[in-house]
């Protein structure tokens, strides 16, 4: 049983899950296997289209965005 279910572990879903109060039981689901160890099979969680103001807010929260996410090919 969960209090909140977030569908999509991209920038918005992952940030929301992290920012919610710890008193909530949260389920974060995504179609990708986030525990997969094989780098070449991973796809970017977004198209690299994170607005500059969103990037600044993520940085303010201590969340970095790997350069490959912003510049890599899909």
PDB file of N, CA and C in Angstrom:
ATOM      1  N   UNK A   1       0.832  -1.167   0.000  1.00  0.00           N
ATOM      2  CA  UNK A   1       0.000   0.000   0.000  1.00  0.00           C
ATOM      3  C   UNK A   1       0.888   1.247   0.000  1.00  0.00           C
ATOM      4  N   UNK A   2       0.579   2.207  -0.847  1.00  0.00           N
ATOM      5  CA  UNK A   2       1.365   3.430  -0.963  1.00  0.00           C
ATOM      6  C   UNK A   2       0.454   4.639  -0.818  1.00  0.00           C
ATOM      7  N   UNK A   3       1.024   5.722  -0.339  1.00  0.00           N
ATOM      8  CA  UNK A   3       0.290   6.982  -0.243  1.00  0.00           C
ATOM      9  C   UNK A   3       0.306   7.716  -1.573  1.00  0.00           C
ATOM     10  N   UNK A   4       1.439   7.614  -2.278  1.00  0.00           N
ATOM     11  CA  UNK A   4       1.622   8.336  -3.541  1.00  0.00           C
ATOM     12  C   UNK A   4       2.318   7.419  -4.533  1.00  0.00           C
ATOM     13  N   UNK A   5       1.811   7.412  -5.761  1.00  0.00           N
ATOM     14  CA  UNK A   5       2.458   6.676  -6.847  1.00  0.00           C
ATOM     15  C   UNK A   5       2.862   7.692  -7.907  1.00  0.00           C
ATOM     16  N   UNK A   6       4.134   7.673  -8.287  1.00  0.00           N
ATOM     17  CA  UNK A   6       4.646   8.565  -9.317  1.00  0.00           C
ATOM     18  C   UNK A   6       5.041   7.705 -10.505  1.00  0.00           C
ATOM     19  N   UNK A   7       4.468   7.994 -11.660  1.00  0.00           N
ATOM     20  CA  UNK A   7       4.767   7.242 -12.872  1.00  0.00           C
ATOM     21  C   UNK A   7       5.760   8.057 -13.693  1.00  0.00           C
ATOM     22  N   UNK A   8       6.953   7.497 -13.873  1.00  0.00           N
ATOM     23  CA  UNK A   8       7.998   8.157 -14.641  1.00  0.00           C
ATOM     24  C   UNK A   8       9.100   8.663 -13.727  1.00  0.00           C
ATOM     25  N   UNK A   9      10.298   8.107 -13.889  1.00  0.00           N
ATOM     26  CA  UNK A   9      11.439   8.487 -13.059  1.00  0.00           C
ATOM     27  C   UNK A   9      12.367   9.432 -13.790  1.00  0.00           C
ATOM     28  N   UNK A  10      11.796  10.245 -14.676  1.00  0.00           N
ATOM     29  CA  UNK A  10      12.583  11.265 -15.358  1.00  0.00           C
ATOM     30  C   UNK A  10      12.872  12.414 -14.407  1.00  0.00           C
ATOM     31  N   UNK A  11      13.332  13.533 -14.928  1.00  0.00           N
ATOM     32  CA  UNK A  11      13.694  14.661 -14.065  1.00  0.00           C
ATOM     33  C   UNK A  11      12.556  15.117 -13.142  1.00  0.00           C
ATOM     34  N   UNK A  12      11.351  15.217 -13.665  1.00  0.00           N
ATOM     35  CA  UNK A  12      10.232  15.698 -12.840  1.00  0.00           C
ATOM     36  C   UNK A  12       9.820  14.664 -11.793  1.00  0.00           C
ATOM     37  N   UNK A  13       9.627  13.423 -12.210  1.00  0.00           N
ATOM     38  CA  UNK A  13       9.192  12.388 -11.279  1.00  0.00           C
ATOM     39  C   UNK A  13      10.211  12.097 -10.191  1.00  0.00           C
ATOM     40  N   UNK A  14      11.474  12.007 -10.574  1.00  0.00           N
ATOM     41  CA  UNK A  14      12.525  11.728  -9.600  1.00  0.00           C
ATOM     42  C   UNK A  14      12.680  12.874  -8.606  1.00  0.00           C
ATOM     43  N   UNK A  15      12.587  14.109  -9.099  1.00  0.00           N
ATOM     44  CA  UNK A  15      12.700  15.268  -8.214  1.00  0.00           C
ATOM     45  C   UNK A  15      11.523  15.323  -7.249  1.00  0.00           C
ATOM     46  N   UNK A  16      10.315  15.079  -7.756  1.00  0.00           N
ATOM     47  CA  UNK A  16       9.143  15.074  -6.890  1.00  0.00           C
ATOM     48  C   UNK A  16       9.272  14.004  -5.809  1.00  0.00           C
ATOM     49  N   UNK A  17       9.671  12.812  -6.189  1.00  0.00           N
ATOM     50  CA  UNK A  17       9.823  11.723  -5.218  1.00  0.00           C
ATOM     51  C   UNK A  17      10.828  12.094  -4.136  1.00  0.00           C
ATOM     52  N   UNK A  18      11.887  12.748  -4.534  1.00  0.00           N
ATOM     53  CA  UNK A  18      12.931  13.131  -3.573  1.00  0.00           C
ATOM     54  C   UNK A  18      12.459  14.243  -2.637  1.00  0.00           C
ATOM     55  N   UNK A  19      11.620  15.144  -3.150  1.00  0.00           N
ATOM     56  CA  UNK A  19      11.216  16.308  -2.370  1.00  0.00           C
ATOM     57  C   UNK A  19      10.034  16.044  -1.435  1.00  0.00           C
ATOM     58  N   UNK A  20       9.277  14.976  -1.675  1.00  0.00           N
ATOM     59  CA  UNK A  20       8.128  14.690  -0.825  1.00  0.00           C
ATOM     60  C   UNK A  20       8.560  14.309   0.584  1.00  0.00           C
ATOM     61  N   UNK A  21       7.720  14.605   1.516  1.00  0.00           N
ATOM     62  CA  UNK A  21       7.996  14.335   2.931  1.00  0.00           C
ATOM     63  C   UNK A  21       8.201  12.845   3.172  1.00  0.00           C
ATOM     64  N   UNK A  22       9.134  12.501   4.030  1.00  0.00           N
ATOM     65  CA  UNK A  22       9.449  11.103   4.342  1.00  0.00           C
ATOM     66  C   UNK A  22       8.309  10.353   5.029  1.00  0.00           C
ATOM     67  N   UNK A  23       7.312  11.069   5.493  1.00  0.00           N
ATOM     68  CA  UNK A  23       6.193  10.384   6.163  1.00  0.00           C
ATOM     69  C   UNK A  23       5.297   9.664   5.163  1.00  0.00           C
ATOM     70  N   UNK A  24       5.455   9.980   3.853  1.00  0.00           N
ATOM     71  CA  UNK A  24       4.660   9.323   2.825  1.00  0.00           C
ATOM     72  C   UNK A  24       5.367   8.079   2.313  1.00  0.00           C
ATOM     73  N   UNK A  25       4.609   7.049   2.051  1.00  0.00           N
ATOM     74  CA  UNK A  25       5.142   5.851   1.421  1.00  0.00           C
ATOM     75  C   UNK A  25       4.952   6.048  -0.089  1.00  0.00           C
ATOM     76  N   UNK A  26       6.069   6.152  -0.821  1.00  0.00           N
ATOM     77  CA  UNK A  26       6.040   6.534  -2.231  1.00  0.00           C
ATOM     78  C   UNK A  26       6.500   5.375  -3.106  1.00  0.00           C
ATOM     79  N   UNK A  27       5.795   5.169  -4.202  1.00  0.00           N
ATOM     80  CA  UNK A  27       6.199   4.197  -5.212  1.00  0.00           C
ATOM     81  C   UNK A  27       6.531   4.981  -6.471  1.00  0.00           C
ATOM     82  N   UNK A  28       7.774   4.867  -6.935  1.00  0.00           N
ATOM     83  CA  UNK A  28       8.240   5.514  -8.160  1.00  0.00           C
ATOM     84  C   UNK A  28       8.457   4.429  -9.190  1.00  0.00           C
ATOM     85  N   UNK A  29       7.697   4.460 -10.281  1.00  0.00           N
ATOM     86  CA  UNK A  29       7.825   3.422 -11.301  1.00  0.00           C
ATOM     87  C   UNK A  29       8.247   4.038 -12.625  1.00  0.00           C
ATOM     88  N   UNK A  30       9.007   3.265 -13.376  1.00  0.00           N
ATOM     89  CA  UNK A  30       9.487   3.709 -14.680  1.00  0.00           C
ATOM     90  C   UNK A  30       9.624   2.481 -15.561  1.00  0.00           C
ATOM     91  N   UNK A  31       9.527   2.665 -16.867  1.00  0.00           N
ATOM     92  CA  UNK A  31       9.635   1.513 -17.761  1.00  0.00           C
ATOM     93  C   UNK A  31      11.059   0.972 -17.843  1.00  0.00           C
ATOM     94  N   UNK A  32      12.051   1.807 -17.489  1.00  0.00           N
ATOM     95  CA  UNK A  32      13.441   1.353 -17.499  1.00  0.00           C
ATOM     96  C   UNK A  32      13.772   0.619 -16.217  1.00  0.00           C
ATOM     97  N   UNK A  33      14.718  -0.292 -16.286  1.00  0.00           N
ATOM     98  CA  UNK A  33      15.238  -0.960 -15.109  1.00  0.00           C
ATOM     99  C   UNK A  33      16.332  -0.063 -14.543  1.00  0.00           C
ATOM    100  N   UNK A  34      16.032   0.652 -13.473  1.00  0.00           N
ATOM    101  CA  UNK A  34      16.977   1.615 -12.923  1.00  0.00           C
ATOM    102  C   UNK A  34      18.152   0.959 -12.217  1.00  0.00           C
ATOM    103  N   UNK A  35      18.081  -0.354 -11.979  1.00  0.00           N
ATOM    104  CA  UNK A  35      19.179  -1.074 -11.329  1.00  0.00           C
ATOM    105  C   UNK A  35      20.084  -1.781 -12.329  1.00  0.00           C
ATOM    106  N   UNK A  36      19.805  -1.641 -13.600  1.00  0.00           N
ATOM    107  CA  UNK A  36      20.571  -2.328 -14.635  1.00  0.00           C
ATOM    108  C   UNK A  36      22.013  -1.830 -14.640  1.00  0.00           C
ATOM    109  N   UNK A  37      22.961  -2.743 -14.678  1.00  0.00           N
ATOM    110  CA  UNK A  37      24.377  -2.376 -14.624  1.00  0.00           C
ATOM    111  C   UNK A  37      25.024  -2.226 -15.997  1.00  0.00           C
ATOM    112  N   UNK A  38      24.347  -2.598 -17.051  1.00  0.00           N
ATOM    113  CA  UNK A  38      24.946  -2.563 -18.376  1.00  0.00           C
ATOM    114  C   UNK A  38      24.749  -1.174 -18.989  1.00  0.00           C
ATOM    115  N   UNK A  39      25.834  -0.383 -19.006  1.00  0.00           N
ATOM    116  CA  UNK A  39      25.765   1.006 -19.452  1.00  0.00           C
ATOM    117  C   UNK A  39      25.231   1.163 -20.868  1.00  0.00           C
ATOM    118  N   UNK A  40      25.677   0.348 -21.794  1.00  0.00           N
ATOM    119  CA  UNK A  40      25.314   0.568 -23.189  1.00  0.00           C
ATOM    120  C   UNK A  40      23.836   0.306 -23.465  1.00  0.00           C
ATOM    121  N   UNK A  41      23.151  -0.360 -22.569  1.00  0.00           N
ATOM    122  CA  UNK A  41      21.725  -0.620 -22.763  1.00  0.00           C
ATOM    123  C   UNK A  41      20.849   0.489 -22.172  1.00  0.00           C
ATOM    124  N   UNK A  42      21.435   1.375 -21.408  1.00  0.00           N
ATOM    125  CA  UNK A  42      20.655   2.445 -20.790  1.00  0.00           C
ATOM    126  C   UNK A  42      20.310   3.508 -21.817  1.00  0.00           C
ATOM    127  N   UNK A  43      19.112   4.021 -21.687  1.00  0.00           N
ATOM    128  CA  UNK A  43      18.688   5.142 -22.523  1.00  0.00           C
ATOM    129  C   UNK A  43      18.554   6.361 -21.631  1.00  0.00           C
ATOM    130  N   UNK A  44      18.640   7.522 -22.252  1.00  0.00           N
ATOM    131  CA  UNK A  44      18.482   8.744 -21.485  1.00  0.00           C
ATOM    132  C   UNK A  44      17.062   8.830 -20.945  1.00  0.00           C
ATOM    133  N   UNK A  45      16.916   9.421 -19.772  1.00  0.00           N
ATOM    134  CA  UNK A  45      15.596   9.550 -19.160  1.00  0.00           C
ATOM    135  C   UNK A  45      14.797  10.679 -19.781  1.00  0.00           C
ATOM    136  N   UNK A  46      15.435  11.502 -20.590  1.00  0.00           N
ATOM    137  CA  UNK A  46      14.726  12.572 -21.290  1.00  0.00           C
ATOM    138  C   UNK A  46      15.516  12.880 -22.546  1.00  0.00           C
ATOM    139  N   UNK A  47      14.998  13.755 -23.352  1.00  0.00           N
ATOM    140  CA  UNK A  47      15.672  14.119 -24.588  1.00  0.00           C
ATOM    141  C   UNK A  47      16.731  15.177 -24.402  1.00  0.00           C
ATOM    142  N   UNK A  48      17.119  15.468 -23.185  1.00  0.00           N
ATOM    143  CA  UNK A  48      18.102  16.518 -22.947  1.00  0.00           C
ATOM    144  C   UNK A  48      17.493  17.899 -23.015  1.00  0.00           C
ATOM    145  N   UNK A  49      16.176  17.958 -22.998  1.00  0.00           N
ATOM    146  CA  UNK A  49      15.491  19.239 -23.126  1.00  0.00           C
ATOM    147  C   UNK A  49      15.042  19.751 -21.765  1.00  0.00           C
ATOM    148  N   UNK A  50      15.995  19.916 -20.888  1.00  0.00           N
ATOM    149  CA  UNK A  50      15.692  20.459 -19.579  1.00  0.00           C
ATOM    150  C   UNK A  50      15.997  21.950 -19.637  1.00  0.00           C
ATOM    151  N   UNK A  51      14.976  22.754 -19.404  1.00  0.00           N
ATOM    152  CA  UNK A  51      15.113  24.205 -19.503  1.00  0.00           C
ATOM    153  C   UNK A  51      16.204  24.709 -18.563  1.00  0.00           C
ATOM    154  N   UNK A  52      16.896  25.779 -18.963  1.00  0.00           N
ATOM    155  CA  UNK A  52      17.969  26.318 -18.122  1.00  0.00           C
ATOM    156  C   UNK A  52      17.518  26.651 -16.702  1.00  0.00           C
ATOM    157  N   UNK A  53      16.305  27.196 -16.539  1.00  0.00           N
ATOM    158  CA  UNK A  53      15.845  27.518 -15.183  1.00  0.00           C
ATOM    159  C   UNK A  53      15.608  26.244 -14.371  1.00  0.00           C
ATOM    160  N   UNK A  54      15.166  25.169 -15.032  1.00  0.00           N
ATOM    161  CA  UNK A  54      14.986  23.892 -14.347  1.00  0.00           C
ATOM    162  C   UNK A  54      16.342  23.312 -13.953  1.00  0.00           C
ATOM    163  N   UNK A  55      17.341  23.464 -14.827  1.00  0.00           N
ATOM    164  CA  UNK A  55      18.686  22.995 -14.503  1.00  0.00           C
ATOM    165  C   UNK A  55      19.232  23.733 -13.284  1.00  0.00           C
ATOM    166  N   UNK A  56      18.985  25.037 -13.206  1.00  0.00           N
ATOM    167  CA  UNK A  56      19.451  25.824 -12.063  1.00  0.00           C
ATOM    168  C   UNK A  56      18.764  25.368 -10.778  1.00  0.00           C
ATOM    169  N   UNK A  57      17.466  25.076 -10.859  1.00  0.00           N
ATOM    170  CA  UNK A  57      16.746  24.627  -9.677  1.00  0.00           C
ATOM    171  C   UNK A  57      17.262  23.263  -9.215  1.00  0.00           C
ATOM    172  N   UNK A  58      17.510  22.356 -10.162  1.00  0.00           N
ATOM    173  CA  UNK A  58      18.075  21.054  -9.805  1.00  0.00           C
ATOM    174  C   UNK A  58      19.435  21.229  -9.129  1.00  0.00           C
ATOM    175  N   UNK A  59      20.259  22.135  -9.666  1.00  0.00           N
ATOM    176  CA  UNK A  59      21.569  22.400  -9.074  1.00  0.00           C
ATOM    177  C   UNK A  59      21.402  22.979  -7.670  1.00  0.00           C
ATOM    178  N   UNK A  60      20.417  23.847  -7.499  1.00  0.00           N
ATOM    179  CA  UNK A  60      20.138  24.437  -6.185  1.00  0.00           C
ATOM    180  C   UNK A  60      19.769  23.356  -5.166  1.00  0.00           C
ATOM    181  N   UNK A  61      19.099  22.292  -5.641  1.00  0.00           N
ATOM    182  CA  UNK A  61      18.710  21.185  -4.770  1.00  0.00           C
ATOM    183  C   UNK A  61      19.839  20.174  -4.580  1.00  0.00           C
ATOM    184  N   UNK A  62      20.991  20.450  -5.203  1.00  0.00           N
ATOM    185  CA  UNK A  62      22.123  19.546  -5.078  1.00  0.00           C
ATOM    186  C   UNK A  62      22.052  18.361  -6.016  1.00  0.00           C
ATOM    187  N   UNK A  63      21.235  18.483  -7.058  1.00  0.00           N
ATOM    188  CA  UNK A  63      21.085  17.398  -8.026  1.00  0.00           C
ATOM    189  C   UNK A  63      21.783  17.794  -9.318  1.00  0.00           C
ATOM    190  N   UNK A  64      22.845  17.089  -9.658  1.00  0.00           N
ATOM    191  CA  UNK A  64      23.566  17.385 -10.885  1.00  0.00           C
ATOM    192  C   UNK A  64      22.971  16.647 -12.069  1.00  0.00           C
ATOM    193  N   UNK A  65      23.189  17.170 -13.239  1.00  0.00           N
ATOM    194  CA  UNK A  65      22.743  16.533 -14.467  1.00  0.00           C
ATOM    195  C   UNK A  65      23.996  16.129 -15.240  1.00  0.00           C
ATOM    196  N   UNK A  66      24.214  14.831 -15.430  1.00  0.00           N
ATOM    197  CA  UNK A  66      25.401  14.402 -16.177  1.00  0.00           C
ATOM    198  C   UNK A  66      25.414  14.993 -17.581  1.00  0.00           C
ATOM    199  N   UNK A  67      26.584  15.382 -18.023  1.00  0.00           N
ATOM    200  CA  UNK A  67      26.717  15.998 -19.348  1.00  0.00           C
ATOM    201  C   UNK A  67      26.168  15.091 -20.439  1.00  0.00           C
ATOM    202  N   UNK A  68      26.342  13.783 -20.313  1.00  0.00           N
ATOM    203  CA  UNK A  68      25.857  12.867 -21.332  1.00  0.00           C
ATOM    204  C   UNK A  68      24.339  12.940 -21.479  1.00  0.00           C
ATOM    205  N   UNK A  69      23.639  13.248 -20.391  1.00  0.00           N
ATOM    206  CA  UNK A  69      22.180  13.381 -20.469  1.00  0.00           C
ATOM    207  C   UNK A  69      21.808  14.597 -21.303  1.00  0.00           C
ATOM    208  N   UNK A  70      22.587  15.650 -21.167  1.00  0.00           N
ATOM    209  CA  UNK A  70      22.282  16.872 -21.888  1.00  0.00           C
ATOM    210  C   UNK A  70      22.783  16.859 -23.326  1.00  0.00           C
ATOM    211  N   UNK A  71      23.835  16.086 -23.599  1.00  0.00           N
ATOM    212  CA  UNK A  71      24.448  16.158 -24.918  1.00  0.00           C
ATOM    213  C   UNK A  71      24.432  14.841 -25.684  1.00  0.00           C
ATOM    214  N   UNK A  72      24.106  13.766 -25.026  1.00  0.00           N
ATOM    215  CA  UNK A  72      24.130  12.455 -25.684  1.00  0.00           C
ATOM    216  C   UNK A  72      23.023  12.283 -26.708  1.00  0.00           C
ATOM    217  N   UNK A  73      23.197  11.293 -27.564  1.00  0.00           N
ATOM    218  CA  UNK A  73      22.197  10.992 -28.568  1.00  0.00           C
ATOM    219  C   UNK A  73      21.214   9.979 -28.017  1.00  0.00           C
ATOM    220  N   UNK A  74      20.002  10.053 -28.476  1.00  0.00           N
ATOM    221  CA  UNK A  74      18.967   9.103 -28.055  1.00  0.00           C
ATOM    222  C   UNK A  74      19.149   7.810 -28.816  1.00  0.00           C
TER     223      UNK A  74
END
